[in-house]
Structure formats: structure tokens, C-alpha cells
Amino acid sequence: MTAEQELVLDRIADRLKALADPTRLRILHFLEDGERCVSEVVDRVGGSQANVSKHLAILRRAGLVDCRRRGLNVLYRVTDATSLSICRTICAVLERQAAERHHALVEGRTAVGG
């Protein structure tokens, strides 16, 4: 594997690590609707401002969000909708699997009870 390929894999791993936290996923979901300041994110996802800022910094380092200053506020936004698409795909897979398990349970009960 080339050094460039290794670097790409490292970047992918960094993004996936950043997505591997429920609070960060909630933040991304909230930012999907547009730019928000830190206090709005805190109000929506809960927790302390310091904790939310830490999560936003992780998302920023992973290249998932970006920020800009507007007066005294720092506004955050999703940088790439592809990351949100990955989350939606994972959710769709989990929903399908849950439906399949539910269907199998219902079918199993019907077969046993029938």
C-alpha cells in the first residue's frame, strides 16, 4: 500500500471515529438544517457548552463541520452532505434488519401458535 493510500485510510478512520458517538451524531443531525451557533447546539442536544464545544472540535478536525465567526458568535455547519448520507444509509440498514427480525419473530409465533 502506498503512503497516499495509507493517508486516505487514516482520514476515513478519523471520520468514522468522529461519527461513532451519539452526541456527535445528534449534533450533525441538528446542523443538517443549517448553520447554528454553539448555544443553539447546546439547547438542542443538551450537556454543557464545554462538552458540546469539545464534540464540535472533534467533528471539525475530522472535516465533518466547519465554522465561521459572526460578531460574537461562532456558527457551525456541515461541510459535506456525504457524511450525512452515510448516517442515513446506516440507519436504513438498521431499520431493515429490525423489521426483518420483527417479521421473523411474528412468523415464528404464528407457526408455533398455529
N, C-alpha and C. Protein backbone atom coordinates (compact mmCIF):
# COMPACT_ATOMS: atom_id res chain seq x y z
N MET A 1 0.85 -1.17 0.00
CA MET A 1 0.00 0.00 0.00
C MET A 1 0.89 1.24 0.00
N THR A 2 0.53 2.22 -0.80
CA THR A 2 1.33 3.43 -0.89
C THR A 2 1.07 4.33 0.31
N ALA A 3 1.97 5.28 0.51
CA ALA A 3 1.82 6.24 1.60
C ALA A 3 0.54 7.05 1.42
N GLU A 4 0.21 7.37 0.18
CA GLU A 4 -1.01 8.14 -0.09
C GLU A 4 -2.25 7.33 0.27
N GLN A 5 -2.24 6.04 -0.06
CA GLN A 5 -3.38 5.18 0.29
C GLN A 5 -3.51 5.05 1.80
N GLU A 6 -2.38 4.95 2.49
CA GLU A 6 -2.40 4.89 3.96
C GLU A 6 -3.02 6.15 4.54
N LEU A 7 -2.65 7.29 3.95
CA LEU A 7 -3.19 8.57 4.42
C LEU A 7 -4.70 8.63 4.21
N VAL A 8 -5.17 8.16 3.07
CA VAL A 8 -6.60 8.14 2.80
C VAL A 8 -7.32 7.26 3.82
N LEU A 9 -6.77 6.08 4.10
CA LEU A 9 -7.38 5.19 5.08
C LEU A 9 -7.40 5.83 6.47
N ASP A 10 -6.35 6.54 6.82
CA ASP A 10 -6.32 7.24 8.11
C ASP A 10 -7.41 8.29 8.18
N ARG A 11 -7.61 9.03 7.09
CA ARG A 11 -8.65 10.06 7.06
C ARG A 11 -10.04 9.43 7.18
N ILE A 12 -10.24 8.32 6.49
CA ILE A 12 -11.53 7.62 6.59
C ILE A 12 -11.76 7.17 8.03
N ALA A 13 -10.75 6.59 8.64
CA ALA A 13 -10.87 6.12 10.03
C ALA A 13 -11.17 7.28 10.97
N ASP A 14 -10.53 8.43 10.76
CA ASP A 14 -10.79 9.60 11.59
C ASP A 14 -12.25 10.04 11.48
N ARG A 15 -12.77 10.04 10.27
CA ARG A 15 -14.18 10.43 10.09
C ARG A 15 -15.12 9.44 10.75
N LEU A 16 -14.84 8.16 10.58
CA LEU A 16 -15.70 7.15 11.19
C LEU A 16 -15.63 7.21 12.72
N LYS A 17 -14.45 7.48 13.26
CA LYS A 17 -14.33 7.63 14.72
C LYS A 17 -15.16 8.82 15.19
N ALA A 18 -15.13 9.90 14.44
CA ALA A 18 -15.90 11.08 14.81
C ALA A 18 -17.40 10.80 14.77
N LEU A 19 -17.82 9.92 13.88
CA LEU A 19 -19.24 9.57 13.76
C LEU A 19 -19.66 8.54 14.81
N ALA A 20 -18.72 7.96 15.52
CA ALA A 20 -19.00 6.86 16.44
C ALA A 20 -19.38 7.34 17.84
N ASP A 21 -20.12 8.43 17.92
CA ASP A 21 -20.55 8.95 19.20
C ASP A 21 -21.97 9.49 19.07
N PRO A 22 -22.90 9.08 19.91
CA PRO A 22 -24.29 9.53 19.78
C PRO A 22 -24.46 11.04 19.86
N THR A 23 -23.70 11.70 20.73
CA THR A 23 -23.81 13.16 20.83
C THR A 23 -23.38 13.82 19.53
N ARG A 24 -22.29 13.36 18.95
CA ARG A 24 -21.83 13.95 17.69
C ARG A 24 -22.81 13.67 16.56
N LEU A 25 -23.44 12.51 16.58
CA LEU A 25 -24.46 12.22 15.57
C LEU A 25 -25.66 13.15 15.74
N ARG A 26 -26.05 13.42 16.99
CA ARG A 26 -27.16 14.36 17.23
C ARG A 26 -26.79 15.76 16.74
N ILE A 27 -25.55 16.16 17.00
CA ILE A 27 -25.09 17.48 16.54
C ILE A 27 -25.16 17.55 15.02
N LEU A 28 -24.64 16.55 14.34
CA LEU A 28 -24.68 16.55 12.87
C LEU A 28 -26.11 16.60 12.36
N HIS A 29 -26.98 15.83 12.98
CA HIS A 29 -28.39 15.82 12.57
C HIS A 29 -29.00 17.21 12.73
N PHE A 30 -28.69 17.89 13.84
CA PHE A 30 -29.20 19.24 14.07
C PHE A 30 -28.64 20.23 13.06
N LEU A 31 -27.36 20.10 12.74
CA LEU A 31 -26.72 21.02 11.80
C LEU A 31 -27.14 20.76 10.35
N GLU A 32 -27.80 19.65 10.13
CA GLU A 32 -28.26 19.33 8.78
C GLU A 32 -29.19 20.41 8.23
N ASP A 33 -29.92 21.08 9.12
CA ASP A 33 -30.87 22.12 8.70
C ASP A 33 -30.23 23.48 8.47
N GLY A 34 -28.94 23.61 8.75
CA GLY A 34 -28.26 24.87 8.50
C GLY A 34 -27.32 25.26 9.63
N GLU A 35 -26.71 26.41 9.46
CA GLU A 35 -25.74 26.91 10.44
C GLU A 35 -26.40 27.16 11.79
N ARG A 36 -25.65 26.86 12.83
CA ARG A 36 -26.13 27.09 14.20
C ARG A 36 -24.96 27.54 15.07
N CYS A 37 -25.27 28.41 16.03
CA CYS A 37 -24.24 28.79 17.00
C CYS A 37 -24.18 27.74 18.10
N VAL A 38 -23.11 27.78 18.87
CA VAL A 38 -22.88 26.77 19.90
C VAL A 38 -24.03 26.72 20.89
N SER A 39 -24.55 27.89 21.29
CA SER A 39 -25.63 27.88 22.29
C SER A 39 -26.88 27.18 21.76
N GLU A 40 -27.16 27.31 20.46
CA GLU A 40 -28.30 26.60 19.87
C GLU A 40 -28.06 25.09 19.89
N VAL A 41 -26.83 24.70 19.60
CA VAL A 41 -26.50 23.27 19.63
C VAL A 41 -26.63 22.73 21.05
N VAL A 42 -26.15 23.49 22.03
CA VAL A 42 -26.26 23.08 23.43
C VAL A 42 -27.73 22.92 23.81
N ASP A 43 -28.57 23.89 23.44
CA ASP A 43 -30.00 23.82 23.76
C ASP A 43 -30.64 22.58 23.15
N ARG A 44 -30.24 22.21 21.95
CA ARG A 44 -30.86 21.09 21.25
C ARG A 44 -30.36 19.74 21.75
N VAL A 45 -29.05 19.58 21.88
CA VAL A 45 -28.51 18.25 22.22
C VAL A 45 -28.29 18.06 23.71
N GLY A 46 -28.32 19.14 24.48
CA GLY A 46 -28.11 19.03 25.92
C GLY A 46 -26.63 18.97 26.26
N GLY A 47 -26.37 18.90 27.54
CA GLY A 47 -24.99 18.88 28.00
C GLY A 47 -24.47 20.29 28.23
N SER A 48 -23.24 20.36 28.66
CA SER A 48 -22.63 21.66 28.93
C SER A 48 -22.07 22.25 27.64
N GLN A 49 -21.86 23.56 27.66
CA GLN A 49 -21.27 24.20 26.50
C GLN A 49 -19.86 23.68 26.25
N ALA A 50 -19.12 23.41 27.33
CA ALA A 50 -17.75 22.89 27.18
C ALA A 50 -17.77 21.52 26.50
N ASN A 51 -18.71 20.67 26.89
CA ASN A 51 -18.79 19.34 26.30
C ASN A 51 -19.19 19.41 24.83
N VAL A 52 -20.18 20.24 24.51
CA VAL A 52 -20.60 20.39 23.12
C VAL A 52 -19.47 20.98 22.29
N SER A 53 -18.76 21.94 22.83
CA SER A 53 -17.63 22.53 22.11
C SER A 53 -16.56 21.49 21.83
N LYS A 54 -16.34 20.59 22.78
CA LYS A 54 -15.36 19.50 22.58
C LYS A 54 -15.80 18.61 21.41
N HIS A 55 -17.08 18.25 21.39
CA HIS A 55 -17.60 17.42 20.30
C HIS A 55 -17.51 18.15 18.96
N LEU A 56 -17.83 19.43 18.95
CA LEU A 56 -17.73 20.21 17.71
C LEU A 56 -16.28 20.27 17.22
N ALA A 57 -15.34 20.38 18.14
CA ALA A 57 -13.92 20.40 17.75
C ALA A 57 -13.51 19.08 17.11
N ILE A 58 -14.01 17.97 17.65
CA ILE A 58 -13.71 16.66 17.07
C ILE A 58 -14.30 16.56 15.67
N LEU A 59 -15.53 17.01 15.52
CA LEU A 59 -16.18 16.98 14.20
C LEU A 59 -15.43 17.89 13.22
N ARG A 60 -14.95 19.00 13.71
CA ARG A 60 -14.22 19.93 12.84
C ARG A 60 -12.88 19.34 12.41
N ARG A 61 -12.15 18.75 13.34
CA ARG A 61 -10.86 18.12 12.99
C ARG A 61 -11.04 16.99 11.99
N ALA A 62 -12.17 16.31 12.07
CA ALA A 62 -12.45 15.21 11.14
C ALA A 62 -12.96 15.72 9.79
N GLY A 63 -13.16 17.03 9.68
CA GLY A 63 -13.62 17.61 8.42
C GLY A 63 -15.11 17.46 8.18
N LEU A 64 -15.86 17.18 9.24
CA LEU A 64 -17.31 16.98 9.09
C LEU A 64 -18.10 18.27 9.27
N VAL A 65 -17.57 19.20 10.05
CA VAL A 65 -18.20 20.51 10.21
C VAL A 65 -17.14 21.59 10.03
N ASP A 66 -17.63 22.77 9.75
CA ASP A 66 -16.77 23.94 9.63
C ASP A 66 -17.42 25.05 10.43
N CYS A 67 -16.69 26.10 10.70
CA CYS A 67 -17.28 27.21 11.46
C CYS A 67 -16.81 28.53 10.89
N ARG A 68 -17.57 29.55 11.24
CA ARG A 68 -17.20 30.92 10.88
C ARG A 68 -17.71 31.85 11.97
N ARG A 69 -17.04 32.96 12.12
CA ARG A 69 -17.44 33.95 13.12
C ARG A 69 -18.47 34.90 12.52
N ARG A 70 -19.46 35.22 13.35
CA ARG A 70 -20.43 36.27 13.01
C ARG A 70 -20.62 37.08 14.28
N GLY A 71 -19.97 38.20 14.33
CA GLY A 71 -19.99 39.01 15.55
C GLY A 71 -19.33 38.25 16.68
N LEU A 72 -20.05 38.09 17.78
CA LEU A 72 -19.52 37.36 18.93
C LEU A 72 -19.77 35.87 18.84
N ASN A 73 -20.58 35.45 17.88
CA ASN A 73 -20.94 34.04 17.76
C ASN A 73 -20.05 33.29 16.78
N VAL A 74 -19.90 32.01 17.03
CA VAL A 74 -19.25 31.11 16.09
C VAL A 74 -20.35 30.20 15.56
N LEU A 75 -20.52 30.20 14.25
CA LEU A 75 -21.56 29.39 13.61
C LEU A 75 -20.94 28.14 13.02
N TYR A 76 -21.59 27.02 13.25
CA TYR A 76 -21.12 25.73 12.74
C TYR A 76 -22.07 25.23 11.67
N ARG A 77 -21.51 24.52 10.69
CA ARG A 77 -22.32 23.94 9.62
C ARG A 77 -21.67 22.65 9.16
N VAL A 78 -22.48 21.79 8.57
CA VAL A 78 -21.97 20.54 7.99
C VAL A 78 -21.20 20.90 6.73
N THR A 79 -20.01 20.35 6.57
CA THR A 79 -19.19 20.68 5.40
C THR A 79 -19.49 19.81 4.20
N ASP A 80 -19.97 18.61 4.44
CA ASP A 80 -20.16 17.67 3.34
C ASP A 80 -21.38 16.81 3.60
N ALA A 81 -22.39 16.94 2.76
CA ALA A 81 -23.62 16.17 2.93
C ALA A 81 -23.40 14.67 2.77
N THR A 82 -22.29 14.28 2.19
CA THR A 82 -22.00 12.85 2.02
C THR A 82 -21.92 12.15 3.37
N SER A 83 -21.37 12.82 4.37
CA SER A 83 -21.29 12.22 5.70
C SER A 83 -22.67 11.95 6.26
N LEU A 84 -23.60 12.86 6.02
CA LEU A 84 -24.98 12.64 6.46
C LEU A 84 -25.61 11.50 5.69
N SER A 85 -25.25 11.37 4.44
CA SER A 85 -25.75 10.26 3.62
C SER A 85 -25.29 8.92 4.19
N ILE A 86 -24.05 8.87 4.65
CA ILE A 86 -23.53 7.65 5.28
C ILE A 86 -24.37 7.30 6.51
N CYS A 87 -24.68 8.30 7.33
CA CYS A 87 -25.50 8.07 8.52
C CYS A 87 -26.89 7.57 8.13
N ARG A 88 -27.48 8.17 7.11
CA ARG A 88 -28.81 7.73 6.65
C ARG A 88 -28.77 6.29 6.15
N THR A 89 -27.71 5.94 5.44
CA THR A 89 -27.58 4.56 4.93
C THR A 89 -27.49 3.58 6.09
N ILE A 90 -26.70 3.90 7.09
CA ILE A 90 -26.58 3.02 8.26
C ILE A 90 -27.93 2.89 8.96
N CYS A 91 -28.64 4.00 9.12
CA CYS A 91 -29.97 3.95 9.75
C CYS A 91 -30.92 3.08 8.94
N ALA A 92 -30.89 3.20 7.63
CA ALA A 92 -31.77 2.39 6.78
C ALA A 92 -31.46 0.91 6.94
N VAL A 93 -30.19 0.56 7.00
CA VAL A 93 -29.80 -0.84 7.19
C VAL A 93 -30.30 -1.35 8.53
N LEU A 94 -30.12 -0.56 9.59
CA LEU A 94 -30.57 -0.97 10.92
C LEU A 94 -32.08 -1.13 10.97
N GLU A 95 -32.80 -0.20 10.34
CA GLU A 95 -34.27 -0.30 10.30
C GLU A 95 -34.71 -1.55 9.56
N ARG A 96 -34.07 -1.84 8.44
CA ARG A 96 -34.43 -3.03 7.67
C ARG A 96 -34.17 -4.29 8.48
N GLN A 97 -33.02 -4.34 9.15
CA GLN A 97 -32.68 -5.51 9.96
C GLN A 97 -33.67 -5.68 11.11
N ALA A 98 -34.07 -4.59 11.73
CA ALA A 98 -35.04 -4.66 12.83
C ALA A 98 -36.38 -5.17 12.31
N ALA A 99 -36.79 -4.69 11.14
CA ALA A 99 -38.05 -5.14 10.54
C ALA A 99 -37.98 -6.63 10.21
N GLU A 100 -36.84 -7.07 9.70
CA GLU A 100 -36.68 -8.50 9.38
C GLU A 100 -36.74 -9.35 10.64
N ARG A 101 -36.10 -8.89 11.72
CA ARG A 101 -36.15 -9.64 12.98
C ARG A 101 -37.57 -9.68 13.52
N HIS A 102 -38.26 -8.55 13.44
CA HIS A 102 -39.65 -8.49 13.91
C HIS A 102 -40.52 -9.45 13.10
N HIS A 103 -40.35 -9.42 11.80
CA HIS A 103 -41.11 -10.31 10.92
C HIS A 103 -40.83 -11.77 11.26
N ALA A 104 -39.56 -12.11 11.49
CA ALA A 104 -39.19 -13.48 11.83
C ALA A 104 -39.82 -13.90 13.16
N LEU A 105 -39.86 -12.98 14.13
CA LEU A 105 -40.49 -13.29 15.42
C LEU A 105 -41.98 -13.52 15.26
N VAL A 106 -42.63 -12.65 14.49
CA VAL A 106 -44.08 -12.80 14.26
C VAL A 106 -44.36 -14.10 13.54
N GLU A 107 -43.58 -14.41 12.53
CA GLU A 107 -43.76 -15.66 11.78
C GLU A 107 -43.53 -16.86 12.69
N GLY A 108 -42.53 -16.77 13.57
CA GLY A 108 -42.23 -17.86 14.50
C GLY A 108 -43.37 -18.09 15.46
N ARG A 109 -43.98 -17.01 15.95
CA ARG A 109 -45.12 -17.13 16.86
C ARG A 109 -46.31 -17.73 16.15
N THR A 110 -46.53 -17.31 14.91
CA THR A 110 -47.65 -17.83 14.14
C THR A 110 -47.49 -19.32 13.91
N ALA A 111 -46.26 -19.73 13.58
CA ALA A 111 -46.01 -21.15 13.31
C ALA A 111 -46.19 -21.98 14.58
N VAL A 112 -45.73 -21.45 15.71
CA VAL A 112 -45.84 -22.17 16.97
C VAL A 112 -47.28 -22.17 17.46
N GLY A 113 -47.94 -21.02 17.33
CA GLY A 113 -49.31 -20.90 17.83
C GLY A 113 -50.35 -21.49 16.90
N GLY A 114 -50.00 -21.72 15.64
CA GLY A 114 -50.96 -22.16 14.63
C GLY A 114 -51.24 -23.57 14.70
